[in-house]
C-alpha cells in the first residue's frame, strides 16, 4: 500500500535527523527530501524549513572538501521554496532568511552554496536592443577631414594616449578623440561602441551623479570610418589595424584621467579618489540594473601567459578562487575615470542567466576593490618586486588602514544602492577590520612575482616571438641568448600576482566578500521587485 505523502515527508525528515553525522547518508536523505518537496510543495511547513536551516548551519561536515555538494543541495532546496507559488509567504521569507543568514557561516562551503543560491534569484534585468546599422562601407577619410569634422583645434597634431589620438577643441573646452582599431579588433565591435554612446545621449536620463558620456561623431554619415593617411609614427603602429578603422567622439577633458591616478601619472588626493571610486561603483550598479553590462572595468586574468591556448582565454573567474594574474598591472589604466565608467567597447546588453548576473556583479566589485588597493601602491609605483637581497618588496607602509576600510565598505554600499535602487539597511556579514588588514598584507608585499612560460606555450611561438616575449617582460638579454625555445619551462618575474602560479588566490577573504556582496545585491533587487512582502 502506498505511503501517505504526509507520512513520507515525516520519514524523510526523520532520516535527516538520524543520519546527520554520516555524510553520504545525509546527502542522500537531503536529496530525497528535495525531490519530495518538488512533487508536493503544498505539504511543506515551517518545521521542514527549520530542519533544512539547521542542517545548512551545522558545522559537522562543513570543512570536508566534498561537502560542497551537500550544502549546494540544501541551498537549492531552500531556493526552491523561495520561488514556489504554492508555499505560504512565511515559508518563502523563512527560506530566504535561512540563505541570507548562512552568508555569515564560518566555513566556506555553506557560505558559497548560500551565495550561489541567492545569486540565482530571478530578477527583471534585460538590456536594451540597439538597432542594427545599415550594411554600408565605412567612409575613407584623410586626417585633415577628420579634424575638420571634429573641429579639432591647433595644428591638428594629435597626442597619443594608448591607441587613441587626442586633439583639444579649445572653442568647446573638450577633446576630439579618434580611437583606432587594433589588428585583432572586429570593426563591427568598434561600431557598437559608437552606437552605445549614441544610445546614452538619445535616452538622456538625468542621473543624480556626474557621468560624462562622450558624444559620438558622424564622419560622412558614418560612425565607423577608415583613415587613409593616419598620423601615427610610433613603435606599436604594426599592432593597429592595417585598414585604418576608427571611430571618433568628443569627450570631457577629464576623460583620460583615471580614478587612481591622472593622465600624467600623478597621484590624486584621497578625497577625490574616494568620491570618484564611489561614484563609479554606483554607476556600474545602476547600468547593470538597466541590463547594460560593463564586462571589463579592469582586465582580469587567471593566467595571461596561457591565454591563447586556454578555452577561457585565461580570463579570471572569481567564483573559482584561483590565483589572480598581475593584479597591480591590471589596475594601471582602469576603465573607471573621473568622468565615470569609460571604454564603452566593453558594454554588452545583458540577456543571460541570473547566475551570470551574480558573477558579473562580482567581477565589478572585485575590480573596484583591486583599484582601491592600487591607489596606495601608486603613491610609490617604483617599489615593486624584489629588493637587492632578493626579498619581496614590503610596501605596506603606503596603506592607510582606516581609509582602505572606508573605501571597501563604501564600494559595497554604493554599488548596492545603484543596483537595487535603495540603500542597504542590513549588515554585511564580514569583519572589515580583518579583511582590510589581510588586503594590506597581501597587496602590500610582493610575495608572488613568478609566472612560468610552459614548453607548450613556447611551441606556439617562433624563435623571434619567444625572444621578444621574454625581452618585453624584462628577461635579461644575456640569458635570452642562452635559452633554447622548447627546452624547458622558463620562470619569469612579471608580478605582483595574488597567489602562486597555477595555484589559489592568496587573498581568499576578498573572494568571500565579493561572493557575499554580489548575492546581497541580487537578493535585494529580488525583494524590491517582489513588492510589499519585502522586509
Protein backbone atom coordinates (compact mmCIF):
# COMPACT_ATOMS: atom_id res chain seq x y z
CA UNK A 1 0.00 0.00 0.00
CA UNK A 2 1.50 3.41 -0.96
CA UNK A 3 2.57 5.55 1.95
CA UNK A 4 0.56 8.71 2.69
CA UNK A 5 2.51 11.79 1.45
CA UNK A 6 2.49 13.44 4.89
CA UNK A 7 3.89 10.26 6.46
CA UNK A 8 6.53 10.05 3.73
CA UNK A 9 7.57 13.62 4.47
CA UNK A 10 7.85 12.82 8.18
CA UNK A 11 10.02 9.78 7.43
CA UNK A 12 12.36 11.82 5.21
CA UNK A 13 12.75 14.47 7.88
CA UNK A 14 13.47 11.80 10.49
CA UNK A 15 16.13 10.25 8.26
CA UNK A 16 17.94 13.60 8.03
CA UNK A 17 18.00 13.89 11.82
CA UNK A 18 19.16 10.28 12.31
CA UNK A 19 21.84 10.41 9.59
CA UNK A 20 23.21 13.87 10.31
CA UNK A 21 26.64 12.52 11.31
CA UNK A 22 27.02 10.23 8.26
CA UNK A 23 27.95 12.45 5.29
CA UNK A 24 26.95 10.10 2.46
CA UNK A 25 23.70 9.00 4.10
CA UNK A 26 22.82 12.60 4.98
CA UNK A 27 23.43 13.78 1.42
CA UNK A 28 21.13 11.06 0.02
CA UNK A 29 18.42 11.91 2.57
CA UNK A 30 18.58 15.62 1.71
CA UNK A 31 18.42 14.83 -1.99
CA UNK A 32 15.34 12.64 -1.44
CA UNK A 33 13.67 15.39 0.58
CA UNK A 34 14.42 17.87 -2.19
CA UNK A 35 12.73 15.58 -4.71
CA UNK A 36 9.71 15.17 -2.44
CA UNK A 37 9.39 18.95 -2.00
CA UNK A 38 9.41 19.38 -5.76
CA UNK A 39 6.49 16.97 -6.09
CA UNK A 40 4.47 18.22 -3.09
CA UNK A 41 5.49 21.78 -2.15
CA UNK A 42 1.98 22.32 -0.76
CA UNK A 43 2.74 19.97 2.17
CA UNK A 44 5.78 21.87 3.38
CA UNK A 45 5.58 23.74 6.66
CA UNK A 46 7.93 25.75 8.83
CA UNK A 47 9.15 22.57 10.51
CA UNK A 48 10.73 21.43 7.24
CA UNK A 49 12.32 24.82 6.65
CA UNK A 50 13.77 24.78 10.18
CA UNK A 51 15.24 21.33 9.58
CA UNK A 52 16.87 22.47 6.34
CA UNK A 53 18.19 25.57 8.08
CA UNK A 54 19.72 23.62 10.99
CA UNK A 55 21.37 21.19 8.59
CA UNK A 56 22.73 24.03 6.46
CA UNK A 57 24.06 25.78 9.57
CA UNK A 58 25.64 22.64 11.03
CA UNK A 59 29.44 22.57 11.06
CA UNK A 60 29.64 18.75 11.26
CA UNK A 61 30.67 18.35 7.62
CA UNK A 62 31.48 21.95 6.75
CA UNK A 63 35.25 21.53 6.40
CA UNK A 64 35.09 18.43 4.16
CA UNK A 65 36.08 19.28 0.60
CA UNK A 66 33.28 17.18 -0.90
CA UNK A 67 30.69 18.71 1.41
CA UNK A 68 30.02 21.42 -1.16
CA UNK A 69 27.57 19.04 -2.90
CA UNK A 70 25.62 18.60 0.35
CA UNK A 71 25.40 22.32 1.04
CA UNK A 72 24.53 23.07 -2.57
CA UNK A 73 21.64 20.58 -2.33
CA UNK A 74 20.41 22.19 0.90
CA UNK A 75 20.68 25.72 -0.52
CA UNK A 76 18.94 24.75 -3.75
CA UNK A 77 16.11 23.17 -1.76
CA UNK A 78 15.59 26.37 0.21
CA UNK A 79 15.79 28.38 -3.01
CA UNK A 80 13.05 26.21 -4.50
CA UNK A 81 10.84 27.05 -1.51
CA UNK A 82 11.55 30.75 -2.01
CA UNK A 83 10.36 30.60 -5.60
CA UNK A 84 7.35 28.25 -5.46
CA UNK A 85 3.96 29.99 -5.52
CA UNK A 86 2.31 27.03 -3.71
CA UNK A 87 4.06 27.71 -0.41
CA UNK A 88 2.91 30.30 2.09
CA UNK A 89 4.50 33.71 2.45
CA UNK A 90 6.00 32.75 5.81
CA UNK A 91 7.85 29.79 4.31
CA UNK A 92 9.17 31.96 1.48
CA UNK A 93 10.52 34.55 3.89
CA UNK A 94 11.93 31.97 6.32
CA UNK A 95 13.69 30.12 3.49
CA UNK A 96 15.21 33.33 2.15
CA UNK A 97 16.25 34.36 5.66
CA UNK A 98 17.98 31.00 6.11
CA UNK A 99 20.04 31.52 2.96
CA UNK A 100 20.91 35.09 3.91
CA UNK A 101 21.93 34.05 7.45
CA UNK A 102 24.20 31.35 6.03
CA UNK A 103 26.29 34.04 4.31
CA UNK A 104 27.82 34.52 7.76
CA UNK A 105 28.72 30.83 8.19
CA UNK A 106 32.34 30.41 9.33
CA UNK A 107 33.05 27.70 6.73
CA UNK A 108 33.46 28.38 3.01
CA UNK A 109 31.28 25.61 1.53
CA UNK A 110 27.99 26.54 3.25
CA UNK A 111 28.71 30.22 2.66
CA UNK A 112 29.42 29.67 -1.02
CA UNK A 113 26.34 27.50 -1.53
CA UNK A 114 24.09 30.16 0.01
CA UNK A 115 25.68 32.93 -2.07
CA UNK A 116 25.22 30.99 -5.32
CA UNK A 117 21.59 30.21 -4.48
CA UNK A 118 20.80 33.84 -3.67
CA UNK A 119 22.69 34.95 -6.76
CA UNK A 120 20.40 32.88 -8.97
CA UNK A 121 17.18 34.55 -7.77
CA UNK A 122 15.21 35.67 -10.86
CA UNK A 123 15.11 39.42 -11.38
CA UNK A 124 13.94 41.52 -14.30
CA UNK A 125 17.22 42.71 -15.78
CA UNK A 126 17.21 42.91 -19.56
CA UNK A 127 19.35 45.27 -21.55
CA UNK A 128 18.31 47.45 -24.49
CA UNK A 129 18.44 46.09 -28.00
CA UNK A 130 20.35 48.55 -30.13
CA UNK A 131 19.14 48.87 -33.73
CA UNK A 132 21.44 47.33 -36.28
CA UNK A 133 23.10 49.86 -38.58
CA UNK A 134 22.67 49.54 -42.35
CA UNK A 135 25.32 47.47 -44.11
CA UNK A 136 27.38 50.15 -45.79
CA UNK A 137 31.05 50.56 -46.46
CA UNK A 138 32.88 52.82 -43.99
CA UNK A 139 33.89 56.19 -45.35
CA UNK A 140 37.51 56.75 -46.40
CA UNK A 141 38.82 59.96 -44.86
CA UNK A 142 42.06 61.87 -44.70
CA UNK A 143 43.28 63.01 -41.30
CA UNK A 144 42.56 66.65 -42.18
CA UNK A 145 38.96 65.71 -42.98
CA UNK A 146 38.61 64.01 -39.61
CA UNK A 147 39.93 67.16 -37.91
CA UNK A 148 37.53 69.33 -39.87
CA UNK A 149 34.52 67.15 -38.98
CA UNK A 150 35.56 67.11 -35.35
CA UNK A 151 36.51 70.81 -35.18
CA UNK A 152 39.95 69.97 -33.84
CA UNK A 153 41.97 72.96 -32.70
CA UNK A 154 45.55 73.98 -33.23
CA UNK A 155 47.71 72.41 -35.92
CA UNK A 156 45.90 69.08 -35.67
CA UNK A 157 48.93 67.22 -34.33
CA UNK A 158 47.42 64.58 -32.04
CA UNK A 159 48.60 63.37 -28.68
CA UNK A 160 48.77 59.60 -28.48
CA UNK A 161 47.06 58.08 -25.44
CA UNK A 162 47.08 54.31 -25.81
CA UNK A 163 45.56 53.68 -29.22
CA UNK A 164 43.61 56.93 -29.21
CA UNK A 165 44.66 60.11 -31.00
CA UNK A 166 43.58 63.14 -28.97
CA UNK A 167 43.25 66.73 -30.13
CA UNK A 168 41.96 69.52 -27.85
CA UNK A 169 38.98 71.55 -29.01
CA UNK A 170 39.69 74.89 -27.37
CA UNK A 171 36.49 76.51 -28.59
CA UNK A 172 34.45 73.74 -26.93
CA UNK A 173 36.73 73.11 -23.92
CA UNK A 174 36.75 69.39 -24.59
CA UNK A 175 38.65 66.73 -26.57
CA UNK A 176 38.37 65.24 -30.02
CA UNK A 177 39.23 61.56 -29.65
CA UNK A 178 39.92 59.26 -32.60
CA UNK A 179 40.02 55.68 -31.41
CA UNK A 180 41.94 53.34 -33.70
CA UNK A 181 41.20 49.66 -34.21
CA UNK A 182 43.89 47.17 -33.24
CA UNK A 183 44.81 44.43 -35.66
CA UNK A 184 42.78 41.86 -33.71
CA UNK A 185 39.70 44.09 -33.32
CA UNK A 186 36.40 43.44 -35.05
CA UNK A 187 35.42 46.73 -36.74
CA UNK A 188 31.75 45.96 -36.04
CA UNK A 189 32.52 45.93 -32.31
CA UNK A 190 34.00 49.42 -32.62
CA UNK A 191 30.84 50.47 -34.40
CA UNK A 192 28.89 49.09 -31.42
CA UNK A 193 30.84 51.35 -29.09
CA UNK A 194 29.74 54.42 -31.03
CA UNK A 195 26.15 53.16 -31.00
CA UNK A 196 26.27 52.77 -27.21
CA UNK A 197 27.40 56.38 -26.95
CA UNK A 198 24.53 57.35 -29.23
CA UNK A 199 22.12 55.36 -27.04
CA UNK A 200 23.14 57.19 -23.86
CA UNK A 201 22.71 60.58 -25.46
CA UNK A 202 19.37 59.60 -27.01
CA UNK A 203 17.90 58.37 -23.71
CA UNK A 204 19.07 61.50 -21.84
CA UNK A 205 18.46 60.07 -18.40
CA UNK A 206 19.02 62.52 -15.56
CA UNK A 207 21.30 60.85 -13.03
CA UNK A 208 21.99 62.19 -9.54
CA UNK A 209 25.75 61.85 -10.02
CA UNK A 210 28.25 63.01 -12.59
CA UNK A 211 28.55 60.79 -15.67
CA UNK A 212 30.17 62.48 -18.66
CA UNK A 213 29.47 60.22 -21.63
CA UNK A 214 31.44 61.01 -24.80
CA UNK A 215 29.40 62.12 -27.80
CA UNK A 216 29.95 60.05 -30.98
CA UNK A 217 30.73 61.88 -34.20
CA UNK A 218 29.37 61.02 -37.61
CA UNK A 219 32.06 61.18 -40.25
CA UNK A 220 30.48 61.47 -43.69
CA UNK A 221 27.31 59.92 -42.22
CA UNK A 222 29.24 57.03 -40.68
CA UNK A 223 30.34 56.30 -37.12
CA UNK A 224 32.89 53.76 -38.34
CA UNK A 225 35.37 55.07 -40.88
CA UNK A 226 38.83 54.43 -42.25
CA UNK A 227 41.75 56.85 -42.14
CA UNK A 228 43.67 56.98 -45.41
CA UNK A 229 46.74 58.77 -44.03
CA UNK A 230 46.90 58.01 -40.31
CA UNK A 231 49.21 60.41 -38.46
CA UNK A 232 50.91 57.81 -36.31
CA UNK A 233 54.62 57.30 -36.13
CA UNK A 234 55.11 55.28 -33.01
CA UNK A 235 56.50 51.93 -32.07
CA UNK A 236 53.30 49.92 -31.96
CA UNK A 237 51.94 51.07 -35.33
CA UNK A 238 52.19 47.46 -36.51
CA UNK A 239 49.67 46.44 -33.85
CA UNK A 240 47.00 48.70 -35.36
CA UNK A 241 44.53 47.52 -37.98
CA UNK A 242 46.06 47.77 -41.47
CA UNK A 243 42.76 49.07 -42.88
CA UNK A 244 42.83 52.07 -40.54
CA UNK A 245 39.41 51.52 -38.96
CA UNK A 246 38.45 54.12 -36.37
CA UNK A 247 35.62 55.88 -34.57
CA UNK A 248 35.59 59.45 -33.29
CA UNK A 249 33.92 61.15 -30.37
CA UNK A 250 34.17 64.27 -28.28
CA UNK A 251 34.87 63.86 -24.59
CA UNK A 252 35.22 65.88 -21.41
CA UNK A 253 38.81 66.99 -20.77
CA UNK A 254 38.85 64.64 -17.74
CA UNK A 255 38.11 61.59 -19.90
CA UNK A 256 41.68 60.26 -19.74
CA UNK A 257 42.05 60.91 -16.01
CA UNK A 258 41.73 57.65 -14.11
CA UNK A 259 40.37 57.37 -10.60
CA UNK A 260 43.63 56.14 -9.10
CA UNK A 261 45.96 58.47 -10.99
CA UNK A 262 45.66 61.23 -13.56
CA UNK A 263 46.87 61.20 -17.13
CA UNK A 264 50.31 62.46 -16.10
CA UNK A 265 50.75 59.64 -13.62
CA UNK A 266 50.38 61.93 -10.62
CA UNK A 267 48.53 60.87 -7.51
CA UNK A 268 45.01 62.23 -6.98
CA UNK A 269 44.17 63.22 -3.43
CA UNK A 270 42.30 60.78 -1.23
CA UNK A 271 39.06 62.79 -1.13
CA UNK A 272 38.85 62.98 -4.93
CA UNK A 273 39.75 59.30 -5.23
CA UNK A 274 37.07 58.27 -2.76
CA UNK A 275 34.42 60.39 -4.49
CA UNK A 276 35.30 59.09 -7.94
CA UNK A 277 35.56 55.45 -6.83
CA UNK A 278 32.20 55.54 -5.03
CA UNK A 279 30.56 57.29 -7.98
CA UNK A 280 31.89 54.69 -10.41
CA UNK A 281 30.63 51.93 -8.11
CA UNK A 282 27.16 53.48 -8.06
CA UNK A 283 27.15 53.97 -11.84
CA UNK A 284 28.27 50.41 -12.55
CA UNK A 285 25.47 49.16 -10.31
CA UNK A 286 22.93 51.45 -11.99
CA UNK A 287 23.97 50.43 -15.51
CA UNK A 288 23.86 46.74 -14.56
CA UNK A 289 20.35 47.20 -13.14
CA UNK A 290 19.35 48.52 -16.58
CA UNK A 291 20.86 45.46 -18.24
CA UNK A 292 23.91 47.34 -19.54
CA UNK A 293 26.88 45.23 -18.53
CA UNK A 294 30.40 46.61 -18.49
CA UNK A 295 32.42 43.43 -18.96
CA UNK A 296 35.87 44.84 -18.13
CA UNK A 297 36.17 47.60 -15.52
CA UNK A 298 39.75 46.32 -15.39
CA UNK A 299 41.32 43.40 -17.29
CA UNK A 300 41.27 40.35 -15.02
CA UNK A 301 43.22 37.18 -15.78
CA UNK A 302 43.99 33.92 -14.05
CA UNK A 303 46.85 33.28 -16.43
CA UNK A 304 47.77 35.72 -19.19
CA UNK A 305 50.70 33.69 -20.49
CA UNK A 306 48.41 30.79 -21.47
CA UNK A 307 45.53 32.94 -22.74
CA UNK A 308 46.00 31.97 -26.39
CA UNK A 309 45.60 28.23 -25.75
CA UNK A 310 43.01 28.13 -22.97
CA UNK A 311 39.30 27.74 -23.68
CA UNK A 312 38.59 30.58 -21.22
CA UNK A 313 41.37 32.74 -22.79
CA UNK A 314 42.91 32.95 -19.34
CA UNK A 315 40.16 35.29 -18.11
CA UNK A 316 39.68 35.41 -14.36
CA UNK A 317 36.64 33.60 -12.95
CA UNK A 318 36.46 34.84 -9.38
CA UNK A 319 34.00 32.16 -8.22
CA UNK A 320 36.73 29.55 -8.75
CA UNK A 321 39.09 31.38 -6.37
CA UNK A 322 42.23 30.87 -8.43
CA UNK A 323 45.41 32.94 -8.47
CA UNK A 324 44.93 36.45 -9.87
CA UNK A 325 47.49 37.39 -12.51
CA UNK A 326 49.33 40.76 -12.27
CA UNK A 327 46.74 42.50 -10.16
CA UNK A 328 48.63 45.78 -9.96
CA UNK A 329 49.23 45.89 -13.70
CA UNK A 330 45.50 45.28 -14.27
CA UNK A 331 44.77 48.44 -12.29
CA UNK A 332 47.21 50.58 -14.29
CA UNK A 333 44.60 52.06 -16.67
CA UNK A 334 41.19 51.13 -15.24
CA UNK A 335 38.04 51.78 -17.24
CA UNK A 336 36.96 53.88 -14.28
CA UNK A 337 37.63 57.57 -14.79
CA UNK A 338 36.87 60.88 -13.19
CA UNK A 339 34.09 61.13 -15.80
CA UNK A 340 32.63 57.74 -14.81
CA UNK A 341 32.89 54.28 -16.42
CA UNK A 342 34.70 54.51 -19.76
CA UNK A 343 35.70 52.47 -22.82
CA UNK A 344 32.20 51.60 -23.99
CA UNK A 345 33.52 48.91 -26.33
CA UNK A 346 33.16 46.65 -23.29
CA UNK A 347 29.42 47.26 -22.89
CA UNK A 348 27.02 44.41 -23.56
CA UNK A 349 23.25 44.18 -23.28
CA UNK A 350 22.69 41.62 -20.54
CA UNK A 351 20.33 38.88 -21.68
CA UNK A 352 21.88 35.94 -19.83
CA UNK A 353 21.11 33.72 -16.87
CA UNK A 354 20.62 35.02 -13.37
CA UNK A 355 23.74 33.17 -12.24
CA UNK A 356 25.61 35.09 -14.92
CA UNK A 357 24.37 38.34 -13.42
CA UNK A 358 25.65 37.33 -9.98
CA UNK A 359 29.06 36.66 -11.49
CA UNK A 360 29.07 39.92 -13.43
CA UNK A 361 28.32 41.89 -10.26
CA UNK A 362 31.13 40.04 -8.51
CA UNK A 363 33.54 40.97 -11.28
CA UNK A 364 32.57 44.63 -10.90
CA UNK A 365 33.05 44.57 -7.14
CA UNK A 366 36.37 42.73 -7.35
CA UNK A 367 37.63 45.24 -9.92
CA UNK A 368 36.63 48.21 -7.77
CA UNK A 369 38.27 46.73 -4.68
CA UNK A 370 41.50 45.98 -6.52
CA UNK A 371 41.60 49.56 -7.80
CA UNK A 372 41.13 50.70 -4.20
CA UNK A 373 44.24 48.72 -3.22
CA UNK A 374 46.20 50.04 -6.20
CA UNK A 375 45.65 53.63 -5.10
CA UNK A 376 48.03 53.16 -2.18
CA UNK A 377 50.69 51.35 -4.23
CA UNK A 378 50.56 54.15 -6.81
CA UNK A 379 51.98 56.54 -4.22
CA UNK A 380 55.36 54.92 -4.93
CA UNK A 381 54.99 52.91 -8.16
CA UNK A 382 58.69 52.05 -8.35
CA UNK A 383 58.50 49.90 -5.20
CA UNK A 384 57.57 46.65 -6.93
CA UNK A 385 59.08 43.18 -7.00
CA UNK A 386 62.20 42.16 -5.09
CA UNK A 387 64.81 44.24 -3.31
CA UNK A 388 68.60 44.00 -3.77
CA UNK A 389 68.73 40.98 -1.42
CA UNK A 390 66.07 39.14 -3.42
CA UNK A 391 63.40 39.67 -0.77
CA UNK A 392 59.82 40.70 -1.65
CA UNK A 393 59.24 44.45 -1.59
CA UNK A 394 57.27 45.41 1.50
CA UNK A 395 55.11 48.45 0.71
CA UNK A 396 52.57 48.06 3.49
CA UNK A 397 53.56 51.43 4.91
CA UNK A 398 51.92 53.07 1.89
CA UNK A 399 48.47 51.90 3.02
CA UNK A 400 46.12 53.83 5.27
CA UNK A 401 44.13 51.11 7.03
CA UNK A 402 41.25 53.38 8.03
CA UNK A 403 40.91 54.85 4.55
CA UNK A 404 41.05 51.41 2.94
CA UNK A 405 38.30 50.13 5.23
CA UNK A 406 36.17 53.15 4.36
CA UNK A 407 36.76 52.54 0.65
CA UNK A 408 35.86 48.84 0.84
CA UNK A 409 32.66 49.46 2.79
CA UNK A 410 31.73 52.39 0.55
CA UNK A 411 32.21 50.45 -2.69
CA UNK A 412 29.82 47.74 -1.48
CA UNK A 413 27.25 50.26 -0.24
CA UNK A 414 27.34 52.43 -3.37
CA UNK A 415 27.17 49.53 -5.81
CA UNK A 416 24.22 48.05 -3.88
CA UNK A 417 22.44 51.41 -3.93
CA UNK A 418 22.94 51.80 -7.67
CA UNK A 419 21.86 48.26 -8.49
CA UNK A 420 18.97 47.78 -6.06
CA UNK A 421 17.72 51.36 -6.05
CA UNK A 422 17.77 51.77 -2.29
CA UNK A 423 20.37 51.94 0.44
CA UNK A 424 21.45 48.70 2.10
CA UNK A 425 19.85 48.54 5.54
CA UNK A 426 21.34 45.31 6.85
CA UNK A 427 24.79 44.23 7.92
CA UNK A 428 27.29 42.68 5.52
CA UNK A 429 28.49 39.57 7.41
CA UNK A 430 32.17 40.36 7.02
CA UNK A 431 34.75 41.57 9.53
CA UNK A 432 36.02 44.56 7.59
CA UNK A 433 38.82 45.22 10.08
CA UNK A 434 40.27 41.76 9.49
CA UNK A 435 39.65 41.98 5.75
CA UNK A 436 41.46 45.27 5.29
CA UNK A 437 44.44 44.04 7.29
CA UNK A 438 44.60 40.98 5.04
CA UNK A 439 44.33 43.16 1.95
CA UNK A 440 47.25 45.28 3.13
CA UNK A 441 49.31 42.19 3.94
CA UNK A 442 48.77 40.61 0.51
CA UNK A 443 48.60 43.72 -1.67
CA UNK A 444 51.46 45.42 0.13
CA UNK A 445 54.06 42.63 -0.04
CA UNK A 446 55.12 41.26 -3.45
CA UNK A 447 55.50 37.61 -2.46
CA UNK A 448 54.20 36.20 -5.74
CA UNK A 449 56.17 37.55 -8.69
CA UNK A 450 56.67 34.44 -10.81
CA UNK A 451 54.84 33.11 -13.81
CA UNK A 452 56.03 30.18 -15.91
CA UNK A 453 56.27 30.05 -19.67
CA UNK A 454 55.46 26.39 -20.29
CA UNK A 455 57.01 24.37 -23.10
CA UNK A 456 53.54 24.03 -24.63
CA UNK A 457 53.29 27.83 -24.87
CA UNK A 458 56.80 28.15 -26.31
CA UNK A 459 55.95 25.69 -29.06
CA UNK A 460 53.26 28.05 -30.39
CA UNK A 461 55.94 30.75 -30.91
CA UNK A 462 58.70 31.31 -33.41
CA UNK A 463 62.21 31.85 -32.06
CA UNK A 464 61.82 35.58 -32.67
CA UNK A 465 58.47 35.70 -30.87
CA UNK A 466 59.93 33.70 -27.99
CA UNK A 467 62.81 36.14 -27.56
CA UNK A 468 60.51 39.16 -27.90
CA UNK A 469 58.15 37.72 -25.30
CA UNK A 470 60.95 37.34 -22.76
CA UNK A 471 62.55 40.69 -23.57
CA UNK A 472 59.22 42.50 -23.15
CA UNK A 473 58.91 41.01 -19.66
CA UNK A 474 62.32 42.20 -18.54
CA UNK A 475 64.24 38.93 -19.01
CA UNK A 476 67.99 39.67 -19.25
CA UNK A 477 69.25 39.66 -22.83
CA UNK A 478 72.25 37.51 -21.92
CA UNK A 479 70.00 34.80 -20.52
CA UNK A 480 67.65 35.02 -23.52
CA UNK A 481 70.54 34.28 -25.89
CA UNK A 482 71.45 31.16 -23.91
CA UNK A 483 67.90 29.76 -23.90
CA UNK A 484 66.64 27.23 -26.41
CA UNK A 485 62.94 27.54 -27.16
CA UNK A 486 61.06 24.45 -26.03
CA UNK A 487 63.94 23.02 -24.00
CA UNK A 488 62.14 23.54 -20.69
CA UNK A 489 59.79 25.73 -18.69
CA UNK A 490 61.02 29.30 -18.20
CA UNK A 491 60.21 31.17 -14.96
CA UNK A 492 59.63 34.91 -15.41
CA UNK A 493 59.10 37.61 -12.80
CA UNK A 494 56.05 39.55 -14.02
CA UNK A 495 54.08 40.16 -10.80
CA UNK A 496 52.96 41.06 -8.35
CA UNK A 497 50.28 38.39 -8.56
CA UNK A 498 47.80 37.39 -5.88
CA UNK A 499 48.82 33.76 -5.47
CA UNK A 500 51.45 31.41 -6.82
CA UNK A 501 51.39 30.31 -10.46
CA UNK A 502 48.59 27.81 -11.17
CA UNK A 503 47.51 27.96 -7.54
CA UNK A 504 44.79 29.51 -5.39
CA UNK A 505 44.38 33.22 -4.76
CA UNK A 506 46.42 34.38 -1.79
CA UNK A 507 43.58 36.64 -0.65
CA UNK A 508 40.52 34.31 -0.42
CA UNK A 509 38.89 36.75 2.01
CA UNK A 510 38.41 39.15 -0.90
CA UNK A 511 36.62 36.47 -2.93
CA UNK A 512 34.39 35.75 0.09
CA UNK A 513 33.38 39.39 0.29
CA UNK A 514 32.68 39.55 -3.44
CA UNK A 515 30.52 36.41 -3.30
CA UNK A 516 28.55 37.66 -0.28
CA UNK A 517 28.08 41.22 -1.52
CA UNK A 518 27.01 40.22 -5.03
CA UNK A 519 24.49 37.75 -3.55
CA UNK A 520 23.08 40.50 -1.33
CA UNK A 521 22.72 42.76 -4.38
CA UNK A 522 20.69 40.16 -6.28
CA UNK A 523 18.59 39.32 -3.22
CA UNK A 524 17.94 43.00 -2.52
CA UNK A 525 16.80 43.61 -6.08
CA UNK A 526 14.60 40.49 -5.93
CA UNK A 527 12.75 41.80 -2.88
CA UNK A 528 12.43 45.25 -4.41
CA UNK A 529 10.75 43.74 -7.45
CA UNK A 530 8.60 41.37 -5.41
CA UNK A 531 6.80 44.26 -3.78
CA UNK A 532 5.10 44.71 -0.43
CA UNK A 533 6.36 41.45 1.08
CA UNK A 534 9.90 42.81 1.27
CA UNK A 535 11.04 43.07 4.86
